[in-house]
Amino acid sequence: MLPPSYDSQPAKKFPVLYFLHGLGGDQSFLVSSGGWQVIEDMWEQKRLGEFVIITPAAGRSFYINSKDGKVKYEDFFIRDFVPRMEKKFRLTGTRSTRAIGGVSMGGYGALRFAFKYPQMFVSVAVHMPALLETLPHGLGNAGFTQFFGTAFGDPADEAFWKANSPFVYARRHHLQGLKIYVDCGDRDDYGFDAGTRQLEKLLNERHIPHTIHIYPGQHDWQFVAAHLEASLEFQSKALGAGK
C-alpha cells in the first residue's frame, strides 16, 4: 500500500511498515479482510501519517528458517526482501523509519524479528500473536503438523520450537528504544492470551517499556478489526510520520 502523496512527490522517501500475515493467510490478507479500507479511511481522515505498508507472503513458515533447512524464510526476509523493497519503493531505509507488525503467526514473526534484530526496527505492533513457550500438546503430532506446518520439524521438535521463540530474544537482547505494542483476546482460541501475559511479565521484569492489552475477544479477524486503528496509530507515531 502506497500512501496518498507517494506518486505526487516522486523525490520523497518514506517510512515503511512490514505487516506479516497469519496462518492460512497470504500477502493479500489486508485486502481480503477489509483492513486495506480501514487504512485508506485513516489516511483520508488525516488520522495516520504517510508510510508504505508491505505484506510479504510466507506460507506456513512462521517466518523462521525451517528445521530441515529447506525453507530459509528468516534469511530471505532480513537479507534479501527488506533491502530489495527499500530500493524498489523509495523507502528511507533506516531503523528509525522501519516498523514491523503482524497478526497471529505474523505476530509471532514480527515480535521475533523485532526482538532478534532490534537494530533494524524502531517499533513492533502485533495482534493476538502466536505466543506459546512450549509446544501445544493437545493436537498430537499429526494434528500439529497439519495445522502449524513443518517449520519446526516433522514431528515437531520441542527444543527447536523453544529455541526460536520470541521469548528467547526478549530475554537475551537489548530492547531499550524499541517501541512495543501487543494485544490479544481474553478468550483466544489457542491460548495465546496466556503467552501474551507471559511476555508482559518478562518485559516488566526486564524494565522494558511496552504497551500490552488483553481485551475481550477471541482469535478472529473481528478482534483484529476492533484494534487495528490503535496499532496503526502506534506505528505512525513511532515512525514519526507526520499526519
Protein backbone atom coordinates (compact mmCIF):
# COMPACT_ATOMS: atom_id res chain seq x y z
CA MET A 1 0.00 0.00 0.00
CA LEU A 2 1.38 3.35 -1.04
CA PRO A 3 0.48 6.49 0.95
CA PRO A 4 -1.53 9.32 -0.64
CA SER A 5 1.39 11.57 -1.64
CA TYR A 6 3.68 8.77 -2.91
CA ASP A 7 3.03 9.48 -6.60
CA SER A 8 2.72 13.25 -6.29
CA GLN A 9 6.10 13.59 -4.52
CA PRO A 10 8.47 11.49 -6.66
CA ALA A 11 11.60 12.75 -4.89
CA LYS A 12 10.38 11.95 -1.38
CA LYS A 13 11.43 8.85 0.58
CA PHE A 14 9.02 7.24 3.03
CA PRO A 15 9.00 5.20 6.23
CA VAL A 16 7.75 1.61 6.00
CA LEU A 17 5.66 -0.88 7.93
CA TYR A 18 6.20 -4.57 7.16
CA PHE A 19 2.90 -6.26 8.07
CA LEU A 20 3.05 -10.07 8.40
CA HIS A 21 0.04 -12.30 7.75
CA GLY A 22 -1.22 -15.15 9.89
CA LEU A 23 -1.52 -18.89 9.32
CA GLY A 24 -3.91 -19.55 6.45
CA GLY A 25 -3.43 -16.02 5.12
CA ASP A 26 -1.21 -14.65 2.39
CA GLN A 27 0.15 -11.37 1.09
CA SER A 28 -3.37 -10.18 0.16
CA PHE A 29 -4.84 -10.56 3.67
CA LEU A 30 -5.28 -6.82 4.24
CA VAL A 31 -7.40 -6.64 1.08
CA SER A 32 -9.49 -9.76 1.75
CA SER A 33 -10.09 -8.82 5.41
CA GLY A 34 -11.09 -5.21 4.84
CA GLY A 35 -8.01 -3.90 6.66
CA TRP A 36 -6.98 -2.09 3.49
CA GLN A 37 -10.12 0.05 3.63
CA VAL A 38 -9.51 0.91 7.29
CA ILE A 39 -6.05 2.22 6.36
CA GLU A 40 -7.35 4.15 3.33
CA ASP A 41 -10.03 5.76 5.52
CA MET A 42 -7.47 6.73 8.18
CA TRP A 43 -5.29 8.36 5.52
CA GLU A 44 -8.27 10.19 4.06
CA GLN A 45 -9.25 11.46 7.53
CA LYS A 46 -5.62 12.52 8.22
CA ARG A 47 -5.51 10.22 11.26
CA LEU A 48 -2.45 8.37 10.04
CA GLY A 49 0.95 9.59 8.91
CA GLU A 50 2.25 8.62 5.48
CA PHE A 51 4.25 5.41 5.24
CA VAL A 52 4.43 2.48 2.85
CA ILE A 53 2.88 -0.83 4.00
CA ILE A 54 4.36 -4.05 2.64
CA THR A 55 2.86 -7.51 3.22
CA PRO A 56 5.11 -10.40 2.15
CA ALA A 57 3.85 -13.93 1.51
CA ALA A 58 5.18 -16.52 3.96
CA GLY A 59 3.06 -19.66 3.67
CA ARG A 60 3.22 -21.59 6.95
CA SER A 61 6.87 -20.74 7.54
CA PHE A 62 6.37 -18.91 10.86
CA TYR A 63 8.94 -16.53 9.36
CA ILE A 64 11.83 -18.73 10.57
CA ASN A 65 14.49 -20.86 8.91
CA SER A 66 12.86 -24.29 8.98
CA LYS A 67 14.38 -27.11 10.98
CA ASP A 68 15.05 -29.20 7.86
CA GLY A 69 16.85 -26.25 6.24
CA LYS A 70 14.65 -26.31 3.14
CA VAL A 71 12.88 -23.00 3.78
CA LYS A 72 15.19 -20.23 4.97
CA TYR A 73 12.50 -17.61 5.39
CA GLU A 74 14.31 -15.56 8.02
CA ASP A 75 17.43 -15.29 5.85
CA PHE A 76 15.28 -14.35 2.85
CA PHE A 77 13.33 -11.66 4.71
CA ILE A 78 16.24 -9.99 6.51
CA ARG A 79 18.95 -10.26 3.84
CA ASP A 80 17.01 -10.14 0.57
CA PHE A 81 13.42 -8.95 0.90
CA VAL A 82 13.90 -5.87 3.10
CA PRO A 83 16.87 -4.47 1.11
CA ARG A 84 15.08 -5.06 -2.21
CA MET A 85 11.84 -3.43 -1.05
CA GLU A 86 13.74 -0.40 0.22
CA LYS A 87 15.25 0.16 -3.19
CA LYS A 88 12.07 -0.59 -5.12
CA PHE A 89 9.70 1.66 -3.15
CA ARG A 90 11.73 4.80 -2.26
CA LEU A 91 11.99 3.90 1.41
CA THR A 92 14.21 5.80 3.82
CA GLY A 93 15.97 2.59 4.84
CA THR A 94 16.88 3.50 8.42
CA ARG A 95 15.96 1.91 11.75
CA SER A 96 14.01 5.00 12.85
CA THR A 97 11.75 4.73 9.79
CA ARG A 98 11.26 0.94 9.70
CA ALA A 99 8.46 -0.77 11.65
CA ILE A 100 7.13 -4.31 11.73
CA GLY A 101 3.78 -5.78 12.73
CA GLY A 102 1.57 -8.76 12.21
CA VAL A 103 -1.36 -10.94 13.12
CA SER A 104 -1.26 -14.37 14.83
CA MET A 105 1.59 -16.29 13.13
CA GLY A 106 2.64 -12.92 11.72
CA GLY A 107 2.58 -11.51 15.26
CA TYR A 108 4.98 -14.26 16.30
CA GLY A 109 7.18 -13.45 13.30
CA ALA A 110 7.10 -9.69 13.89
CA LEU A 111 7.97 -9.97 17.59
CA ARG A 112 10.73 -12.45 16.81
CA PHE A 113 12.27 -10.23 14.11
CA ALA A 114 11.99 -7.10 16.26
CA PHE A 115 13.49 -8.80 19.33
CA LYS A 116 16.24 -10.58 17.36
CA TYR A 117 17.14 -7.58 15.17
CA PRO A 118 16.30 -4.55 17.35
CA GLN A 119 18.90 -2.55 15.43
CA MET A 120 16.64 -2.84 12.35
CA PHE A 121 13.22 -1.80 13.70
CA VAL A 122 12.02 1.19 15.68
CA SER A 123 8.70 -0.42 16.62
CA VAL A 124 6.65 -3.60 16.62
CA ALA A 125 2.86 -3.81 16.97
CA VAL A 126 1.01 -7.12 16.83
CA HIS A 127 -2.43 -8.60 17.31
CA MET A 128 -3.11 -11.98 19.01
CA PRO A 129 0.47 -13.20 18.43
CA ALA A 130 1.08 -16.97 18.37
CA LEU A 131 2.96 -16.97 21.67
CA LEU A 132 3.38 -20.33 23.39
CA GLU A 133 6.65 -21.06 25.14
CA THR A 134 6.09 -24.83 24.92
CA LEU A 135 4.56 -26.85 22.11
CA PRO A 136 0.78 -27.30 22.24
CA HIS A 137 0.44 -31.00 23.05
CA GLY A 138 -3.31 -31.45 22.76
CA LEU A 139 -3.26 -31.72 18.96
CA GLY A 140 -0.95 -34.74 18.69
CA ASN A 141 1.86 -34.62 16.16
CA ALA A 142 -0.28 -35.28 13.09
CA GLY A 143 -2.70 -32.56 14.15
CA PHE A 144 0.13 -30.16 14.94
CA THR A 145 1.87 -30.51 11.57
CA GLN A 146 -1.45 -30.43 9.72
CA PHE A 147 -2.32 -27.13 11.39
CA PHE A 148 1.04 -25.44 12.06
CA GLY A 149 3.05 -26.92 9.19
CA THR A 150 6.52 -28.44 9.35
CA ALA A 151 8.71 -25.38 10.00
CA PHE A 152 9.51 -26.74 13.47
CA GLY A 153 10.18 -30.27 12.22
CA ASP A 154 8.12 -33.32 11.39
CA PRO A 155 7.47 -34.49 14.04
CA ALA A 156 7.68 -31.09 15.70
CA ASP A 157 10.82 -30.64 17.77
CA GLU A 158 10.12 -29.07 21.18
CA ALA A 159 13.71 -27.87 21.62
CA PHE A 160 13.64 -26.20 18.17
CA TRP A 161 10.28 -24.58 18.98
CA LYS A 162 11.66 -23.16 22.23
CA ALA A 163 14.94 -22.03 20.63
CA ASN A 164 13.05 -19.97 18.03
CA SER A 165 10.57 -18.40 20.42
CA PRO A 166 10.35 -14.60 20.64
CA PHE A 167 10.79 -15.12 24.40
CA VAL A 168 14.40 -16.23 23.81
CA TYR A 169 15.30 -12.93 22.17
CA ALA A 170 13.23 -10.86 24.59
CA ARG A 171 15.37 -12.32 27.39
CA ARG A 172 18.68 -12.06 25.58
CA HIS A 173 18.78 -8.83 23.62
CA HIS A 174 18.94 -5.16 24.49
CA LEU A 175 15.49 -3.84 23.58
CA GLN A 176 15.61 -0.36 25.07
CA GLY A 177 14.37 2.10 22.46
CA LEU A 178 12.19 -0.47 20.68
CA LYS A 179 8.56 0.57 20.91
CA ILE A 180 6.35 -2.47 21.62
CA TYR A 181 2.57 -2.87 21.28
CA VAL A 182 0.71 -6.17 21.74
CA ASP A 183 -2.97 -7.02 22.14
CA CYS A 184 -4.81 -10.31 22.46
CA GLY A 185 -8.32 -11.54 23.26
CA ASP A 186 -9.06 -12.86 26.73
CA ARG A 187 -10.73 -15.92 25.18
CA ASP A 188 -8.14 -16.59 22.48
CA ASP A 189 -8.99 -19.92 20.85
CA TYR A 190 -5.37 -21.11 21.01
CA GLY A 191 -4.48 -19.79 24.44
CA PHE A 192 -2.25 -17.05 23.08
CA ASP A 193 -3.57 -14.73 25.78
CA ALA A 194 -1.52 -16.75 28.28
CA GLY A 195 1.59 -16.25 26.14
CA THR A 196 0.83 -12.54 25.86
CA ARG A 197 0.60 -12.26 29.66
CA GLN A 198 3.85 -14.18 29.95
CA LEU A 199 5.55 -11.72 27.57
CA GLU A 200 4.23 -8.80 29.60
CA LYS A 201 5.68 -10.33 32.78
CA LEU A 202 9.05 -10.83 31.10
CA LEU A 203 9.19 -7.27 29.76
CA ASN A 204 8.21 -5.92 33.18
CA GLU A 205 10.99 -7.95 34.80
CA ARG A 206 13.49 -6.52 32.33
CA HIS A 207 12.12 -2.97 32.77
CA ILE A 208 11.45 -2.69 29.04
CA PRO A 209 8.70 -0.16 28.23
CA HIS A 210 5.74 -1.64 26.35
CA THR A 211 2.02 -1.38 25.71
CA ILE A 212 0.20 -4.69 26.16
CA HIS A 213 -3.58 -5.12 26.33
CA ILE A 214 -5.79 -8.14 26.98
CA TYR A 215 -9.18 -7.18 25.58
CA PRO A 216 -12.46 -9.11 25.44
CA GLY A 217 -12.43 -11.31 22.35
CA GLN A 218 -11.39 -14.46 20.57
CA HIS A 219 -8.86 -15.36 17.87
CA ASP A 220 -10.52 -13.92 14.77
CA TRP A 221 -10.46 -11.00 12.37
CA GLN A 222 -13.23 -9.28 14.33
CA PHE A 223 -10.76 -8.89 17.18
CA VAL A 224 -8.08 -7.50 14.88
CA ALA A 225 -10.52 -5.12 13.20
CA ALA A 226 -11.55 -3.71 16.59
CA HIS A 227 -7.95 -2.78 17.44
CA LEU A 228 -6.22 -2.26 14.08
CA GLU A 229 -6.58 1.51 14.19
CA ALA A 230 -4.86 1.65 17.59
CA SER A 231 -1.85 -0.36 16.42
CA LEU A 232 -1.56 1.68 13.19
CA GLU A 233 -1.62 4.92 15.16
CA PHE A 234 1.06 3.47 17.46
CA GLN A 235 3.23 2.64 14.43
CA SER A 236 2.62 6.01 12.81
CA LYS A 237 3.77 7.81 15.95
CA ALA A 238 6.82 5.55 16.34
CA LEU A 239 7.81 6.19 12.71
CA GLY A 240 7.50 9.93 13.20
CA ALA A 241 5.19 10.01 10.19
CA GLY A 242 3.53 13.43 10.19
CA LYS A 243 -0.23 13.46 9.74
